Amino acid sequence: MSAADAPERHRRHTLELLTLCAVGLVLWTVLLALTLPSDYHVHQWRTTWVGFDALLVAAMASTAYLGWRKHRSVVITALATAALLICDAWFDVSLAIGTPDIWISAVLAVLVEVPMAAFLIHRVYALLPAVPARPRPGR
């Protein structure tokens, strides 16, 4: 195998690993669905949410900074921010079901978090043609 085959080999190994992980995650998710209790008292609730929101702030700030600098890595941070916003909406709403907080959680998810995530994904998609690709060695 030549050095020119290395990128394709790395791509194939990455896809094989992702496929294996996806199958494993399906099995894990089924196991959790069958065994987790529907109610659970949580420790470190504040630490968890403040830490998650700090991560979201870091992702947003990184996206803004890289966007102002017109750096092509903004694509990565924007997608990470979008994913975190979707996760935030999901956890806010799903953990508020059965509580009075469900309404504010649902409103924030529908009017703020999910639209912001969709906007970022849309902007990344629009930016992709403008992101200069680095030439591959040997091409």
N, C-alpha and C. Protein backbone atom coordinates (compact mmCIF):
# COMPACT_ATOMS: atom_id res chain seq x y z
N MET A 1 0.83 -1.17 0.00
CA MET A 1 0.00 0.00 0.00
C MET A 1 0.89 1.25 0.00
N SER A 2 0.56 2.17 -0.86
CA SER A 2 1.39 3.37 -0.99
C SER A 2 0.91 4.45 -0.03
N ALA A 3 1.74 5.49 0.10
CA ALA A 3 1.39 6.62 0.95
C ALA A 3 0.16 7.34 0.42
N ALA A 4 -0.07 7.26 -0.88
CA ALA A 4 -1.25 7.89 -1.47
C ALA A 4 -2.54 7.21 -1.03
N ASP A 5 -2.45 5.94 -0.63
CA ASP A 5 -3.62 5.19 -0.17
C ASP A 5 -3.97 5.50 1.29
N ALA A 6 -3.06 6.14 2.00
CA ALA A 6 -3.26 6.39 3.43
C ALA A 6 -4.52 7.20 3.73
N PRO A 7 -4.81 8.29 3.01
CA PRO A 7 -6.04 9.04 3.34
C PRO A 7 -7.31 8.18 3.19
N GLU A 8 -7.36 7.36 2.16
CA GLU A 8 -8.54 6.51 1.97
C GLU A 8 -8.63 5.45 3.07
N ARG A 9 -7.48 4.92 3.49
CA ARG A 9 -7.44 3.93 4.57
C ARG A 9 -7.92 4.57 5.88
N HIS A 10 -7.45 5.79 6.16
CA HIS A 10 -7.87 6.51 7.38
C HIS A 10 -9.37 6.79 7.34
N ARG A 11 -9.86 7.19 6.18
CA ARG A 11 -11.29 7.45 6.01
C ARG A 11 -12.09 6.19 6.29
N ARG A 12 -11.67 5.07 5.71
CA ARG A 12 -12.37 3.80 5.88
C ARG A 12 -12.37 3.38 7.36
N HIS A 13 -11.21 3.49 8.03
CA HIS A 13 -11.12 3.12 9.44
C HIS A 13 -12.02 4.02 10.30
N THR A 14 -12.06 5.29 9.98
CA THR A 14 -12.92 6.22 10.72
C THR A 14 -14.38 5.84 10.55
N LEU A 15 -14.78 5.55 9.32
CA LEU A 15 -16.17 5.17 9.07
C LEU A 15 -16.52 3.83 9.71
N GLU A 16 -15.59 2.90 9.72
CA GLU A 16 -15.82 1.62 10.40
C GLU A 16 -16.01 1.83 11.90
N LEU A 17 -15.18 2.67 12.49
CA LEU A 17 -15.30 2.97 13.92
C LEU A 17 -16.63 3.64 14.22
N LEU A 18 -17.02 4.62 13.41
CA LEU A 18 -18.30 5.30 13.62
C LEU A 18 -19.48 4.33 13.48
N THR A 19 -19.41 3.41 12.52
CA THR A 19 -20.47 2.42 12.35
C THR A 19 -20.56 1.52 13.57
N LEU A 20 -19.43 1.04 14.04
CA LEU A 20 -19.40 0.19 15.23
C LEU A 20 -19.95 0.93 16.44
N CYS A 21 -19.56 2.19 16.61
CA CYS A 21 -20.04 3.00 17.73
C CYS A 21 -21.55 3.22 17.63
N ALA A 22 -22.07 3.47 16.43
CA ALA A 22 -23.51 3.68 16.25
C ALA A 22 -24.28 2.42 16.64
N VAL A 23 -23.81 1.26 16.22
CA VAL A 23 -24.47 0.00 16.58
C VAL A 23 -24.41 -0.22 18.09
N GLY A 24 -23.24 0.02 18.67
CA GLY A 24 -23.10 -0.12 20.13
C GLY A 24 -24.01 0.85 20.88
N LEU A 25 -24.14 2.06 20.36
CA LEU A 25 -24.99 3.05 21.02
C LEU A 25 -26.47 2.67 20.93
N VAL A 26 -26.88 2.06 19.84
CA VAL A 26 -28.26 1.57 19.74
C VAL A 26 -28.51 0.54 20.84
N LEU A 27 -27.60 -0.41 21.00
CA LEU A 27 -27.76 -1.44 22.03
C LEU A 27 -27.77 -0.81 23.42
N TRP A 28 -26.88 0.14 23.67
CA TRP A 28 -26.81 0.83 24.96
C TRP A 28 -28.11 1.59 25.23
N THR A 29 -28.65 2.25 24.21
CA THR A 29 -29.88 3.03 24.37
C THR A 29 -31.05 2.12 24.71
N VAL A 30 -31.13 0.97 24.07
CA VAL A 30 -32.19 0.00 24.38
C VAL A 30 -32.04 -0.47 25.82
N LEU A 31 -30.83 -0.79 26.23
CA LEU A 31 -30.59 -1.22 27.61
C LEU A 31 -31.03 -0.14 28.60
N LEU A 32 -30.67 1.12 28.34
CA LEU A 32 -31.07 2.21 29.22
C LEU A 32 -32.59 2.36 29.26
N ALA A 33 -33.23 2.25 28.11
CA ALA A 33 -34.69 2.38 28.06
C ALA A 33 -35.37 1.31 28.90
N LEU A 34 -34.75 0.14 28.97
CA LEU A 34 -35.35 -0.96 29.72
C LEU A 34 -35.00 -0.96 31.20
N THR A 35 -33.89 -0.32 31.58
CA THR A 35 -33.42 -0.46 32.96
C THR A 35 -33.41 0.82 33.79
N LEU A 36 -33.38 2.00 33.17
CA LEU A 36 -33.31 3.22 33.96
C LEU A 36 -34.64 3.51 34.66
N PRO A 37 -34.56 4.01 35.89
CA PRO A 37 -35.81 4.41 36.55
C PRO A 37 -36.37 5.68 35.89
N SER A 38 -37.68 5.86 35.96
CA SER A 38 -38.28 7.06 35.35
C SER A 38 -38.08 8.29 36.22
N ASP A 39 -37.75 8.09 37.50
CA ASP A 39 -37.53 9.20 38.42
C ASP A 39 -36.23 8.94 39.17
N TYR A 40 -35.45 10.00 39.35
CA TYR A 40 -34.15 9.84 39.99
C TYR A 40 -33.75 11.14 40.65
N HIS A 41 -33.34 11.08 41.91
CA HIS A 41 -32.86 12.27 42.62
C HIS A 41 -31.41 12.53 42.20
N VAL A 42 -31.15 13.74 41.77
CA VAL A 42 -29.85 14.07 41.18
C VAL A 42 -29.01 14.90 42.14
N HIS A 43 -27.75 14.55 42.23
CA HIS A 43 -26.79 15.35 42.99
C HIS A 43 -26.04 16.24 42.00
N GLN A 44 -25.56 17.36 42.45
CA GLN A 44 -24.78 18.29 41.63
C GLN A 44 -25.57 18.84 40.45
N TRP A 45 -26.86 19.05 40.64
CA TRP A 45 -27.73 19.60 39.59
C TRP A 45 -27.21 20.94 39.12
N ARG A 46 -26.92 21.83 40.06
CA ARG A 46 -26.44 23.18 39.72
C ARG A 46 -25.11 23.10 38.98
N THR A 47 -24.19 22.28 39.46
CA THR A 47 -22.89 22.14 38.81
C THR A 47 -23.04 21.65 37.37
N THR A 48 -23.92 20.71 37.18
CA THR A 48 -24.14 20.15 35.84
C THR A 48 -24.65 21.22 34.88
N TRP A 49 -25.70 21.95 35.28
CA TRP A 49 -26.29 22.95 34.39
C TRP A 49 -25.39 24.15 34.19
N VAL A 50 -24.73 24.61 35.23
CA VAL A 50 -23.82 25.75 35.08
C VAL A 50 -22.64 25.34 34.20
N GLY A 51 -22.14 24.14 34.37
CA GLY A 51 -21.05 23.65 33.53
C GLY A 51 -21.48 23.53 32.07
N PHE A 52 -22.68 23.01 31.84
CA PHE A 52 -23.17 22.90 30.47
C PHE A 52 -23.32 24.28 29.83
N ASP A 53 -23.92 25.21 30.57
CA ASP A 53 -24.10 26.56 30.03
C ASP A 53 -22.76 27.26 29.82
N ALA A 54 -21.77 26.99 30.67
CA ALA A 54 -20.43 27.56 30.46
C ALA A 54 -19.83 27.01 29.17
N LEU A 55 -20.04 25.73 28.90
CA LEU A 55 -19.58 25.14 27.65
C LEU A 55 -20.28 25.78 26.45
N LEU A 56 -21.57 26.02 26.58
CA LEU A 56 -22.33 26.68 25.52
C LEU A 56 -21.83 28.10 25.29
N VAL A 57 -21.54 28.83 26.37
CA VAL A 57 -20.98 30.18 26.24
C VAL A 57 -19.63 30.13 25.52
N ALA A 58 -18.79 29.17 25.90
CA ALA A 58 -17.48 29.05 25.25
C ALA A 58 -17.63 28.75 23.77
N ALA A 59 -18.57 27.89 23.42
CA ALA A 59 -18.80 27.57 22.00
C ALA A 59 -19.30 28.79 21.24
N MET A 60 -20.25 29.51 21.83
CA MET A 60 -20.77 30.72 21.17
C MET A 60 -19.69 31.79 21.02
N ALA A 61 -18.93 31.99 22.10
CA ALA A 61 -17.88 33.00 22.06
C ALA A 61 -16.81 32.63 21.04
N SER A 62 -16.46 31.36 20.97
CA SER A 62 -15.48 30.90 19.99
C SER A 62 -15.99 31.11 18.57
N THR A 63 -17.26 30.83 18.38
CA THR A 63 -17.86 31.03 17.06
C THR A 63 -17.85 32.51 16.68
N ALA A 64 -18.22 33.36 17.62
CA ALA A 64 -18.21 34.81 17.35
C ALA A 64 -16.78 35.29 17.05
N TYR A 65 -15.84 34.87 17.87
CA TYR A 65 -14.44 35.29 17.68
C TYR A 65 -13.91 34.84 16.32
N LEU A 66 -14.10 33.57 16.01
CA LEU A 66 -13.60 33.06 14.74
C LEU A 66 -14.34 33.67 13.55
N GLY A 67 -15.62 33.97 13.75
CA GLY A 67 -16.38 34.63 12.69
C GLY A 67 -15.86 36.03 12.43
N TRP A 68 -15.59 36.79 13.49
CA TRP A 68 -15.03 38.14 13.33
C TRP A 68 -13.67 38.08 12.66
N ARG A 69 -12.90 37.05 12.95
CA ARG A 69 -11.57 36.90 12.37
C ARG A 69 -11.61 36.30 10.96
N LYS A 70 -12.80 35.92 10.52
CA LYS A 70 -13.00 35.27 9.22
C LYS A 70 -12.15 34.01 9.07
N HIS A 71 -12.05 33.27 10.17
CA HIS A 71 -11.27 32.04 10.20
C HIS A 71 -12.16 30.87 9.79
N ARG A 72 -11.66 29.99 8.98
CA ARG A 72 -12.48 28.89 8.47
C ARG A 72 -12.90 27.90 9.55
N SER A 73 -12.25 27.89 10.70
CA SER A 73 -12.65 27.01 11.80
C SER A 73 -13.99 27.40 12.41
N VAL A 74 -14.52 28.55 12.00
CA VAL A 74 -15.83 28.97 12.49
C VAL A 74 -16.89 27.92 12.14
N VAL A 75 -16.68 27.18 11.08
CA VAL A 75 -17.62 26.12 10.68
C VAL A 75 -17.73 25.08 11.79
N ILE A 76 -16.62 24.70 12.37
CA ILE A 76 -16.61 23.68 13.41
C ILE A 76 -17.29 24.19 14.68
N THR A 77 -16.92 25.40 15.11
CA THR A 77 -17.50 25.92 16.35
C THR A 77 -18.99 26.24 16.18
N ALA A 78 -19.39 26.68 14.99
CA ALA A 78 -20.81 26.96 14.76
C ALA A 78 -21.63 25.68 14.84
N LEU A 79 -21.14 24.60 14.25
CA LEU A 79 -21.85 23.32 14.33
C LEU A 79 -21.88 22.78 15.76
N ALA A 80 -20.78 22.95 16.48
CA ALA A 80 -20.75 22.52 17.89
C ALA A 80 -21.75 23.33 18.71
N THR A 81 -21.81 24.63 18.47
CA THR A 81 -22.77 25.49 19.17
C THR A 81 -24.20 25.07 18.85
N ALA A 82 -24.48 24.78 17.58
CA ALA A 82 -25.82 24.34 17.18
C ALA A 82 -26.18 23.04 17.89
N ALA A 83 -25.26 22.10 17.94
CA ALA A 83 -25.52 20.83 18.62
C ALA A 83 -25.79 21.04 20.10
N LEU A 84 -25.01 21.91 20.73
CA LEU A 84 -25.22 22.19 22.15
C LEU A 84 -26.57 22.88 22.39
N LEU A 85 -26.98 23.77 21.50
CA LEU A 85 -28.28 24.42 21.63
C LEU A 85 -29.42 23.41 21.52
N ILE A 86 -29.29 22.47 20.61
CA ILE A 86 -30.32 21.44 20.47
C ILE A 86 -30.36 20.55 21.72
N CYS A 87 -29.20 20.20 22.23
CA CYS A 87 -29.13 19.41 23.47
C CYS A 87 -29.75 20.20 24.63
N ASP A 88 -29.44 21.48 24.72
CA ASP A 88 -29.99 22.32 25.78
C ASP A 88 -31.51 22.35 25.71
N ALA A 89 -32.06 22.53 24.51
CA ALA A 89 -33.51 22.54 24.35
C ALA A 89 -34.11 21.20 24.77
N TRP A 90 -33.49 20.12 24.32
CA TRP A 90 -33.98 18.78 24.65
C TRP A 90 -34.00 18.55 26.16
N PHE A 91 -32.88 18.83 26.83
CA PHE A 91 -32.81 18.59 28.26
C PHE A 91 -33.74 19.52 29.04
N ASP A 92 -33.80 20.79 28.64
CA ASP A 92 -34.69 21.73 29.33
C ASP A 92 -36.14 21.24 29.28
N VAL A 93 -36.58 20.87 28.09
CA VAL A 93 -37.98 20.46 27.93
C VAL A 93 -38.23 19.09 28.56
N SER A 94 -37.39 18.12 28.26
CA SER A 94 -37.65 16.77 28.76
C SER A 94 -37.57 16.69 30.28
N LEU A 95 -36.71 17.48 30.89
CA LEU A 95 -36.59 17.45 32.35
C LEU A 95 -37.65 18.30 33.04
N ALA A 96 -38.34 19.14 32.28
CA ALA A 96 -39.38 19.99 32.86
C ALA A 96 -40.78 19.39 32.71
N ILE A 97 -40.88 18.29 31.98
CA ILE A 97 -42.21 17.66 31.80
C ILE A 97 -42.78 17.30 33.17
N GLY A 98 -44.03 17.67 33.38
CA GLY A 98 -44.69 17.40 34.66
C GLY A 98 -44.44 18.45 35.71
N THR A 99 -43.75 19.53 35.35
CA THR A 99 -43.50 20.62 36.30
C THR A 99 -44.07 21.92 35.72
N PRO A 100 -44.23 22.94 36.55
CA PRO A 100 -44.71 24.23 36.03
C PRO A 100 -43.71 24.89 35.07
N ASP A 101 -42.46 24.46 35.09
CA ASP A 101 -41.43 25.05 34.23
C ASP A 101 -41.51 24.59 32.78
N ILE A 102 -42.39 23.64 32.49
CA ILE A 102 -42.47 23.12 31.13
C ILE A 102 -42.78 24.22 30.12
N TRP A 103 -43.61 25.17 30.48
CA TRP A 103 -44.02 26.20 29.51
C TRP A 103 -42.87 27.10 29.14
N ILE A 104 -42.13 27.59 30.12
CA ILE A 104 -40.99 28.47 29.81
C ILE A 104 -39.92 27.68 29.06
N SER A 105 -39.72 26.43 29.43
CA SER A 105 -38.75 25.59 28.73
C SER A 105 -39.15 25.38 27.27
N ALA A 106 -40.42 25.10 27.04
CA ALA A 106 -40.91 24.88 25.68
C ALA A 106 -40.83 26.16 24.85
N VAL A 107 -41.20 27.28 25.44
CA VAL A 107 -41.14 28.56 24.73
C VAL A 107 -39.71 28.90 24.35
N LEU A 108 -38.78 28.74 25.30
CA LEU A 108 -37.36 29.02 24.99
C LEU A 108 -36.83 28.07 23.92
N ALA A 109 -37.22 26.82 24.00
CA ALA A 109 -36.76 25.85 22.99
C ALA A 109 -37.29 26.22 21.61
N VAL A 110 -38.57 26.52 21.52
CA VAL A 110 -39.20 26.78 20.22
C VAL A 110 -38.83 28.15 19.66
N LEU A 111 -38.68 29.15 20.52
CA LEU A 111 -38.44 30.51 20.03
C LEU A 111 -36.98 30.96 20.05
N VAL A 112 -36.14 30.26 20.82
CA VAL A 112 -34.74 30.72 20.94
C VAL A 112 -33.74 29.63 20.54
N GLU A 113 -33.71 28.54 21.29
CA GLU A 113 -32.64 27.56 21.13
C GLU A 113 -32.66 26.83 19.78
N VAL A 114 -33.79 26.27 19.42
CA VAL A 114 -33.87 25.53 18.15
C VAL A 114 -33.73 26.47 16.95
N PRO A 115 -34.39 27.64 16.94
CA PRO A 115 -34.16 28.55 15.80
C PRO A 115 -32.71 29.01 15.68
N MET A 116 -32.05 29.27 16.81
CA MET A 116 -30.65 29.68 16.76
C MET A 116 -29.78 28.54 16.20
N ALA A 117 -30.06 27.32 16.62
CA ALA A 117 -29.32 26.17 16.09
C ALA A 117 -29.56 26.03 14.59
N ALA A 118 -30.81 26.16 14.17
CA ALA A 118 -31.14 26.06 12.74
C ALA A 118 -30.45 27.18 11.95
N PHE A 119 -30.43 28.36 12.51
CA PHE A 119 -29.75 29.49 11.85
C PHE A 119 -28.26 29.19 11.67
N LEU A 120 -27.62 28.70 12.73
CA LEU A 120 -26.19 28.39 12.64
C LEU A 120 -25.92 27.30 11.61
N ILE A 121 -26.74 26.27 11.59
CA ILE A 121 -26.56 25.20 10.61
C ILE A 121 -26.76 25.74 9.20
N HIS A 122 -27.77 26.57 9.02
CA HIS A 122 -28.01 27.18 7.72
C HIS A 122 -26.83 28.05 7.29
N ARG A 123 -26.29 28.83 8.20
CA ARG A 123 -25.16 29.70 7.87
C ARG A 123 -23.91 28.88 7.54
N VAL A 124 -23.69 27.80 8.25
CA VAL A 124 -22.54 26.94 7.94
C VAL A 124 -22.71 26.37 6.54
N TYR A 125 -23.90 25.91 6.23
CA TYR A 125 -24.15 25.36 4.90
C TYR A 125 -23.89 26.42 3.83
N ALA A 126 -24.29 27.65 4.11
CA ALA A 126 -24.07 28.74 3.15
C ALA A 126 -22.59 29.11 3.05
N LEU A 127 -21.85 28.93 4.14
CA LEU A 127 -20.43 29.30 4.16
C LEU A 127 -19.53 28.27 3.49
N LEU A 128 -19.96 27.03 3.42
CA LEU A 128 -19.08 25.97 2.93
C LEU A 128 -18.43 26.27 1.58
N PRO A 129 -19.14 26.80 0.59
CA PRO A 129 -18.45 27.11 -0.67
C PRO A 129 -17.38 28.19 -0.52
N ALA A 130 -17.50 29.05 0.49
CA ALA A 130 -16.54 30.14 0.67
C ALA A 130 -15.31 29.71 1.47
N VAL A 131 -15.38 28.55 2.12
CA VAL A 131 -14.25 28.10 2.94
C VAL A 131 -13.18 27.53 2.02
N PRO A 132 -12.00 28.17 2.02
CA PRO A 132 -10.96 27.66 1.14
C PRO A 132 -10.46 26.30 1.61
N ALA A 133 -10.32 25.40 0.69
CA ALA A 133 -9.80 24.07 1.01
C ALA A 133 -8.29 24.09 0.85
N ARG A 134 -7.63 23.43 1.78
CA ARG A 134 -6.19 23.30 1.66
C ARG A 134 -5.89 22.24 0.63
N PRO A 135 -4.96 22.50 -0.26
CA PRO A 135 -4.61 21.45 -1.24
C PRO A 135 -4.00 20.25 -0.51
N ARG A 136 -4.37 19.09 -0.96
CA ARG A 136 -3.82 17.88 -0.37
C ARG A 136 -2.42 17.66 -0.89
N PRO A 137 -1.52 17.16 -0.04
CA PRO A 137 -0.16 16.88 -0.50
C PRO A 137 -0.18 15.87 -1.65
N GLY A 138 0.61 16.12 -2.64
CA GLY A 138 0.71 15.21 -3.75
C GLY A 138 -0.35 15.41 -4.82
N ARG A 139 -1.13 16.48 -4.70
CA ARG A 139 -2.17 16.74 -5.71
C ARG A 139 -2.00 18.08 -6.33
